[in-house]
Amino acid sequence: MRANRCPRIWPALLLVLTVTFLGSLPLSALAWTTGPEPPDPPLPLGPPTTDPTVPAVARAWPVGVRPLVVRGWDPPATTYGRGHRGVDLAAPPGSPVRAVAPGRVSFAGQVAGRGVVAVELADTGTPPLRTTYGPVRASVSKGAEIAAGEVLGTVEPGASPCPTSCLHWGLLRGKIYLDPLSLLPPWLLRRGPSRLLPVTGVPFPS
């Protein structure tokens, strides 16, 4: 009788030992039996980073209606460290460059061979916020009072900091660089132009 039981006991005992051994291994060691682990799902893309200390006073984009951000804000770790002190907006040469908010032109000239216009924004504290635009062929001069959306010049050809033509848009308070996208209110950050919706049930004025 014992000779007949042995062939039945050994497979069951071998199965118990195998399950116990595999259960003690980490998941990485089981990859050869289960295949590679699925990749983590991509993180959702949120809205552009905004700075709560910067008032959303902009009333227009510097170029176009909703230009492509070729390169975003990447503040340096230290004062003189590497980074990107502003944003680059896709814009063909000759595109009109507009003031995003009202203020006064504090600079209009050449910096390192490129045209630059700087505007101190009105009612933005002390020292006031200052926006910079380049490369720009300026049509305004230092000291000029300008309104939101007013043309400051055009994108200068052949001096773009991007592989393709673009406008570099910067923001400072004193000597501290800030994210210029923080100036934009939510309705300007949304994609696509505004559309008028039909209104029903409202009588026409007589």
C-alpha atoms as a PDB file:
ATOM      1  CA  MET A   1       0.000   0.000   0.000  1.00  0.00           C
ATOM      2  CA  ARG A   2       2.827   2.429   0.871  1.00  0.00           C
ATOM      3  CA  ALA A   3       4.427   1.808  -2.540  1.00  0.00           C
ATOM      4  CA  ASN A   4       1.169   2.892  -4.233  1.00  0.00           C
ATOM      5  CA  ARG A   5       0.861   6.132  -2.167  1.00  0.00           C
ATOM      6  CA  CYS A   6       4.366   7.526  -2.965  1.00  0.00           C
ATOM      7  CA  PRO A   7       3.721   8.424  -6.644  1.00  0.00           C
ATOM      8  CA  ARG A   8       0.665  10.472  -5.506  1.00  0.00           C
ATOM      9  CA  ILE A   9       2.328  12.278  -2.568  1.00  0.00           C
ATOM     10  CA  TRP A  10       5.474  13.502  -4.412  1.00  0.00           C
ATOM     11  CA  PRO A  11       3.690  15.657  -7.077  1.00  0.00           C
ATOM     12  CA  ALA A  12       1.553  17.322  -4.380  1.00  0.00           C
ATOM     13  CA  LEU A  13       4.600  17.966  -2.195  1.00  0.00           C
ATOM     14  CA  LEU A  14       6.542  19.386  -5.171  1.00  0.00           C
ATOM     15  CA  LEU A  15       3.649  21.745  -5.994  1.00  0.00           C
ATOM     16  CA  VAL A  16       3.496  23.056  -2.402  1.00  0.00           C
ATOM     17  CA  LEU A  17       7.261  23.712  -2.350  1.00  0.00           C
ATOM     18  CA  THR A  18       7.140  25.521  -5.719  1.00  0.00           C
ATOM     19  CA  VAL A  19       4.288  27.843  -4.662  1.00  0.00           C
ATOM     20  CA  THR A  20       6.027  28.602  -1.361  1.00  0.00           C
ATOM     21  CA  PHE A  21       9.308  29.440  -3.123  1.00  0.00           C
ATOM     22  CA  LEU A  22       7.720  31.697  -5.764  1.00  0.00           C
ATOM     23  CA  GLY A  23       5.677  33.512  -3.140  1.00  0.00           C
ATOM     24  CA  SER A  24       8.844  34.500  -1.304  1.00  0.00           C
ATOM     25  CA  LEU A  25      10.431  36.135  -4.366  1.00  0.00           C
ATOM     26  CA  PRO A  26      10.114  39.908  -5.157  1.00  0.00           C
ATOM     27  CA  LEU A  27       8.015  40.931  -8.153  1.00  0.00           C
ATOM     28  CA  SER A  28      11.101  41.877 -10.131  1.00  0.00           C
ATOM     29  CA  ALA A  29      12.365  38.292  -9.885  1.00  0.00           C
ATOM     30  CA  LEU A  30       9.100  37.024 -11.352  1.00  0.00           C
ATOM     31  CA  ALA A  31       9.335  39.223 -14.447  1.00  0.00           C
ATOM     32  CA  TRP A  32      10.644  36.288 -16.500  1.00  0.00           C
ATOM     33  CA  THR A  33       7.467  34.339 -15.774  1.00  0.00           C
ATOM     34  CA  THR A  34       4.901  37.136 -15.962  1.00  0.00           C
ATOM     35  CA  GLY A  35       6.535  39.402 -18.573  1.00  0.00           C
ATOM     36  CA  PRO A  36       7.583  43.065 -18.122  1.00  0.00           C
ATOM     37  CA  GLU A  37       5.583  45.224 -15.745  1.00  0.00           C
ATOM     38  CA  PRO A  38       3.273  47.699 -17.497  1.00  0.00           C
ATOM     39  CA  PRO A  39       4.602  51.272 -17.580  1.00  0.00           C
ATOM     40  CA  ASP A  40       3.146  53.869 -15.260  1.00  0.00           C
ATOM     41  CA  PRO A  41       0.368  55.938 -16.861  1.00  0.00           C
ATOM     42  CA  PRO A  42       1.488  59.379 -18.079  1.00  0.00           C
ATOM     43  CA  LEU A  43       0.847  62.275 -15.754  1.00  0.00           C
ATOM     44  CA  PRO A  44      -1.902  64.640 -16.905  1.00  0.00           C
ATOM     45  CA  LEU A  45      -0.733  67.979 -18.241  1.00  0.00           C
ATOM     46  CA  GLY A  46      -1.999  70.809 -16.073  1.00  0.00           C
ATOM     47  CA  PRO A  47      -2.257  74.538 -16.761  1.00  0.00           C
ATOM     48  CA  PRO A  48       0.892  76.647 -17.100  1.00  0.00           C
ATOM     49  CA  THR A  49       2.573  77.453 -13.805  1.00  0.00           C
ATOM     50  CA  THR A  50       1.493  80.814 -12.443  1.00  0.00           C
ATOM     51  CA  ASP A  51       3.031  82.993  -9.753  1.00  0.00           C
ATOM     52  CA  PRO A  52       0.509  84.219  -7.177  1.00  0.00           C
ATOM     53  CA  THR A  53       2.620  87.338  -6.594  1.00  0.00           C
ATOM     54  CA  VAL A  54       2.126  88.430 -10.219  1.00  0.00           C
ATOM     55  CA  PRO A  55      -1.229  90.064 -11.037  1.00  0.00           C
ATOM     56  CA  ALA A  56      -2.927  88.717 -14.173  1.00  0.00           C
ATOM     57  CA  VAL A  57      -3.033  92.143 -15.854  1.00  0.00           C
ATOM     58  CA  ALA A  58      -2.341  91.055 -19.448  1.00  0.00           C
ATOM     59  CA  ARG A  59      -5.025  91.782 -22.032  1.00  0.00           C
ATOM     60  CA  ALA A  60      -3.290  90.265 -25.064  1.00  0.00           C
ATOM     61  CA  TRP A  61      -0.564  87.840 -26.066  1.00  0.00           C
ATOM     62  CA  PRO A  62       2.647  89.489 -27.311  1.00  0.00           C
ATOM     63  CA  VAL A  63       2.205  87.805 -30.725  1.00  0.00           C
ATOM     64  CA  GLY A  64      -0.745  86.154 -32.427  1.00  0.00           C
ATOM     65  CA  VAL A  65      -3.936  84.984 -30.745  1.00  0.00           C
ATOM     66  CA  ARG A  66      -2.680  81.877 -28.917  1.00  0.00           C
ATOM     67  CA  PRO A  67       0.923  81.283 -30.064  1.00  0.00           C
ATOM     68  CA  LEU A  68       2.787  78.020 -29.605  1.00  0.00           C
ATOM     69  CA  VAL A  69       5.149  78.067 -26.620  1.00  0.00           C
ATOM     70  CA  VAL A  70       8.354  76.753 -28.213  1.00  0.00           C
ATOM     71  CA  ARG A  71      10.273  76.805 -24.943  1.00  0.00           C
ATOM     72  CA  GLY A  72       8.814  77.389 -21.513  1.00  0.00           C
ATOM     73  CA  TRP A  73       9.872  79.048 -18.297  1.00  0.00           C
ATOM     74  CA  ASP A  74      12.816  77.284 -16.644  1.00  0.00           C
ATOM     75  CA  PRO A  75      14.159  79.385 -13.752  1.00  0.00           C
ATOM     76  CA  PRO A  76      17.835  78.880 -12.856  1.00  0.00           C
ATOM     77  CA  ALA A  77      18.746  77.287  -9.528  1.00  0.00           C
ATOM     78  CA  THR A  78      21.063  80.204  -8.714  1.00  0.00           C
ATOM     79  CA  THR A  79      21.280  83.853  -9.746  1.00  0.00           C
ATOM     80  CA  TYR A  80      23.900  83.166 -12.401  1.00  0.00           C
ATOM     81  CA  GLY A  81      22.940  79.558 -13.109  1.00  0.00           C
ATOM     82  CA  ARG A  82      21.747  78.138 -16.386  1.00  0.00           C
ATOM     83  CA  GLY A  83      18.053  78.269 -17.198  1.00  0.00           C
ATOM     84  CA  HIS A  84      15.483  79.967 -19.388  1.00  0.00           C
ATOM     85  CA  ARG A  85      14.440  83.323 -18.013  1.00  0.00           C
ATOM     86  CA  GLY A  86      11.241  83.716 -20.000  1.00  0.00           C
ATOM     87  CA  VAL A  87       9.243  81.919 -22.688  1.00  0.00           C
ATOM     88  CA  ASP A  88       9.762  81.609 -26.443  1.00  0.00           C
ATOM     89  CA  LEU A  89       6.652  82.062 -28.592  1.00  0.00           C
ATOM     90  CA  ALA A  90       6.549  80.895 -32.216  1.00  0.00           C
ATOM     91  CA  ALA A  91       6.230  83.890 -34.537  1.00  0.00           C
ATOM     92  CA  PRO A  92       7.371  84.402 -38.139  1.00  0.00           C
ATOM     93  CA  PRO A  93       9.622  87.367 -38.964  1.00  0.00           C
ATOM     94  CA  GLY A  94       7.700  90.584 -39.336  1.00  0.00           C
ATOM     95  CA  SER A  95       4.928  89.575 -36.934  1.00  0.00           C
ATOM     96  CA  PRO A  96       3.542  92.513 -34.920  1.00  0.00           C
ATOM     97  CA  VAL A  97       4.707  92.495 -31.291  1.00  0.00           C
ATOM     98  CA  ARG A  98       2.168  93.977 -28.879  1.00  0.00           C
ATOM     99  CA  ALA A  99       2.307  95.199 -25.294  1.00  0.00           C
ATOM    100  CA  VAL A 100       0.443  92.743 -23.083  1.00  0.00           C
ATOM    101  CA  ALA A 101      -0.662  95.448 -20.633  1.00  0.00           C
ATOM    102  CA  PRO A 102      -0.523  99.248 -20.346  1.00  0.00           C
ATOM    103  CA  GLY A 103       2.688 100.918 -19.212  1.00  0.00           C
ATOM    104  CA  ARG A 104       5.700 102.961 -20.228  1.00  0.00           C
ATOM    105  CA  VAL A 105       8.559 101.992 -22.538  1.00  0.00           C
ATOM    106  CA  SER A 106      11.676 101.868 -20.353  1.00  0.00           C
ATOM    107  CA  PHE A 107      14.052 100.631 -23.072  1.00  0.00           C
ATOM    108  CA  ALA A 108      14.086 100.327 -26.849  1.00  0.00           C
ATOM    109  CA  GLY A 109      17.397  99.465 -28.455  1.00  0.00           C
ATOM    110  CA  GLN A 110      20.041  96.827 -29.129  1.00  0.00           C
ATOM    111  CA  VAL A 111      21.256  94.208 -26.651  1.00  0.00           C
ATOM    112  CA  ALA A 112      23.973  91.839 -27.875  1.00  0.00           C
ATOM    113  CA  GLY A 113      23.080  92.624 -31.490  1.00  0.00           C
ATOM    114  CA  ARG A 114      19.338  92.047 -31.043  1.00  0.00           C
ATOM    115  CA  GLY A 115      16.531  94.552 -30.798  1.00  0.00           C
ATOM    116  CA  VAL A 116      14.839  94.614 -27.396  1.00  0.00           C
ATOM    117  CA  VAL A 117      11.867  96.537 -26.040  1.00  0.00           C
ATOM    118  CA  ALA A 118      11.092  96.721 -22.302  1.00  0.00           C
ATOM    119  CA  VAL A 119       7.852  98.039 -20.829  1.00  0.00           C
ATOM    120  CA  GLU A 120       7.210  98.946 -17.181  1.00  0.00           C
ATOM    121  CA  LEU A 121       3.652  97.888 -16.417  1.00  0.00           C
ATOM    122  CA  ALA A 122       1.365 100.400 -14.748  1.00  0.00           C
ATOM    123  CA  ASP A 123      -0.062  99.775 -11.250  1.00  0.00           C
ATOM    124  CA  THR A 124       1.991  96.640 -10.541  1.00  0.00           C
ATOM    125  CA  GLY A 125       3.755  97.655  -7.329  1.00  0.00           C
ATOM    126  CA  THR A 126       7.226  98.874  -6.404  1.00  0.00           C
ATOM    127  CA  PRO A 127       9.411  98.200  -8.216  1.00  0.00           C
ATOM    128  CA  PRO A 128       6.971  97.791 -11.099  1.00  0.00           C
ATOM    129  CA  LEU A 129       6.827  94.650 -13.192  1.00  0.00           C
ATOM    130  CA  ARG A 130       8.785  94.957 -16.430  1.00  0.00           C
ATOM    131  CA  THR A 131       8.152  92.936 -19.579  1.00  0.00           C
ATOM    132  CA  THR A 132      10.816  92.417 -22.233  1.00  0.00           C
ATOM    133  CA  TYR A 133      10.402  91.457 -25.892  1.00  0.00           C
ATOM    134  CA  GLY A 134      13.053  90.408 -28.383  1.00  0.00           C
ATOM    135  CA  PRO A 135      14.272  90.238 -31.038  1.00  0.00           C
ATOM    136  CA  VAL A 136      12.121  93.218 -32.020  1.00  0.00           C
ATOM    137  CA  ARG A 137      12.523  95.932 -34.619  1.00  0.00           C
ATOM    138  CA  ALA A 138      11.074  98.682 -32.414  1.00  0.00           C
ATOM    139  CA  SER A 139       8.514 101.208 -33.576  1.00  0.00           C
ATOM    140  CA  VAL A 140       8.354 102.937 -30.177  1.00  0.00           C
ATOM    141  CA  SER A 141      10.912 104.921 -28.221  1.00  0.00           C
ATOM    142  CA  LYS A 142      11.913 105.139 -24.578  1.00  0.00           C
ATOM    143  CA  GLY A 143       9.433 107.057 -22.416  1.00  0.00           C
ATOM    144  CA  ALA A 144       6.403 106.398 -24.599  1.00  0.00           C
ATOM    145  CA  GLU A 145       3.144 105.636 -22.802  1.00  0.00           C
ATOM    146  CA  ILE A 146       1.486 102.629 -24.403  1.00  0.00           C
ATOM    147  CA  ALA A 147      -1.848 100.830 -24.071  1.00  0.00           C
ATOM    148  CA  ALA A 148      -2.545  97.110 -23.835  1.00  0.00           C
ATOM    149  CA  GLY A 149      -2.392  95.580 -27.297  1.00  0.00           C
ATOM    150  CA  GLU A 150      -0.467  98.492 -28.795  1.00  0.00           C
ATOM    151  CA  VAL A 151       2.180  97.481 -31.346  1.00  0.00           C
ATOM    152  CA  LEU A 152       5.753  97.894 -30.094  1.00  0.00           C
ATOM    153  CA  GLY A 153       7.436  96.740 -33.294  1.00  0.00           C
ATOM    154  CA  THR A 154       7.870  93.587 -35.356  1.00  0.00           C
ATOM    155  CA  VAL A 155       9.755  90.321 -34.886  1.00  0.00           C
ATOM    156  CA  GLU A 156      13.251  90.954 -36.183  1.00  0.00           C
ATOM    157  CA  PRO A 157      14.377  88.504 -38.893  1.00  0.00           C
ATOM    158  CA  GLY A 158      17.616  86.578 -38.569  1.00  0.00           C
ATOM    159  CA  ALA A 159      18.086  87.141 -34.824  1.00  0.00           C
ATOM    160  CA  SER A 160      15.804  84.521 -33.310  1.00  0.00           C
ATOM    161  CA  PRO A 161      17.037  82.542 -30.259  1.00  0.00           C
ATOM    162  CA  CYS A 162      15.058  79.502 -31.507  1.00  0.00           C
ATOM    163  CA  PRO A 163      15.761  77.009 -34.335  1.00  0.00           C
ATOM    164  CA  THR A 164      12.781  78.627 -36.071  1.00  0.00           C
ATOM    165  CA  SER A 165      11.620  82.210 -35.753  1.00  0.00           C
ATOM    166  CA  CYS A 166      10.227  83.116 -32.326  1.00  0.00           C
ATOM    167  CA  LEU A 167       9.790  85.928 -29.839  1.00  0.00           C
ATOM    168  CA  HIS A 168      11.444  85.744 -26.411  1.00  0.00           C
ATOM    169  CA  TRP A 169       9.108  87.207 -23.790  1.00  0.00           C
ATOM    170  CA  GLY A 170      10.450  87.944 -20.307  1.00  0.00           C
ATOM    171  CA  LEU A 171       9.182  89.366 -17.025  1.00  0.00           C
ATOM    172  CA  LEU A 172      11.103  90.943 -14.151  1.00  0.00           C
ATOM    173  CA  ARG A 173      10.485  92.708 -10.881  1.00  0.00           C
ATOM    174  CA  GLY A 174      13.657  94.617 -10.181  1.00  0.00           C
ATOM    175  CA  LYS A 175      16.391  92.092 -11.007  1.00  0.00           C
ATOM    176  CA  ILE A 176      14.281  89.013 -10.276  1.00  0.00           C
ATOM    177  CA  TYR A 177      13.010  87.062 -13.275  1.00  0.00           C
ATOM    178  CA  LEU A 178       9.452  85.731 -13.134  1.00  0.00           C
ATOM    179  CA  ASP A 179       7.252  83.563 -15.347  1.00  0.00           C
ATOM    180  CA  PRO A 180       5.601  85.886 -17.912  1.00  0.00           C
ATOM    181  CA  LEU A 181       2.716  83.445 -18.405  1.00  0.00           C
ATOM    182  CA  SER A 182       1.620  84.446 -14.889  1.00  0.00           C
ATOM    183  CA  LEU A 183       0.478  87.760 -16.386  1.00  0.00           C
ATOM    184  CA  LEU A 184      -2.169  86.009 -18.486  1.00  0.00           C
ATOM    185  CA  PRO A 185      -5.687  85.574 -17.054  1.00  0.00           C
ATOM    186  CA  PRO A 186      -7.425  82.206 -17.571  1.00  0.00           C
ATOM    187  CA  TRP A 187      -9.469  83.396 -20.569  1.00  0.00           C
ATOM    188  CA  LEU A 188      -6.250  84.167 -22.460  1.00  0.00           C
ATOM    189  CA  LEU A 189      -4.652  80.839 -21.553  1.00  0.00           C
ATOM    190  CA  ARG A 190      -7.486  78.800 -23.026  1.00  0.00           C
ATOM    191  CA  ARG A 191      -6.890  77.365 -26.473  1.00  0.00           C
ATOM    192  CA  GLY A 192      -8.736  78.717 -29.445  1.00  0.00           C
ATOM    193  CA  PRO A 193     -10.436  82.049 -30.094  1.00  0.00           C
ATOM    194  CA  SER A 194     -13.632  83.076 -28.338  1.00  0.00           C
ATOM    195  CA  ARG A 195     -16.893  82.289 -30.116  1.00  0.00           C
ATOM    196  CA  LEU A 196     -20.236  84.069 -29.856  1.00  0.00           C
ATOM    197  CA  LEU A 197     -23.083  81.739 -28.849  1.00  0.00           C
ATOM    198  CA  PRO A 198     -26.686  82.235 -30.032  1.00  0.00           C
ATOM    199  CA  VAL A 199     -28.946  83.938 -27.525  1.00  0.00           C
ATOM    200  CA  THR A 200     -32.654  83.029 -27.475  1.00  0.00           C
ATOM    201  CA  GLY A 201     -35.554  84.606 -25.654  1.00  0.00           C
ATOM    202  CA  VAL A 202     -34.002  88.087 -25.513  1.00  0.00           C
ATOM    203  CA  PRO A 203     -36.042  90.715 -27.367  1.00  0.00           C
ATOM    204  CA  PHE A 204     -34.330  93.136 -29.704  1.00  0.00           C
ATOM    205  CA  PRO A 205     -34.231  96.738 -28.511  1.00  0.00           C
ATOM    206  CA  SER A 206     -36.917  98.892 -30.071  1.00  0.00           C
END
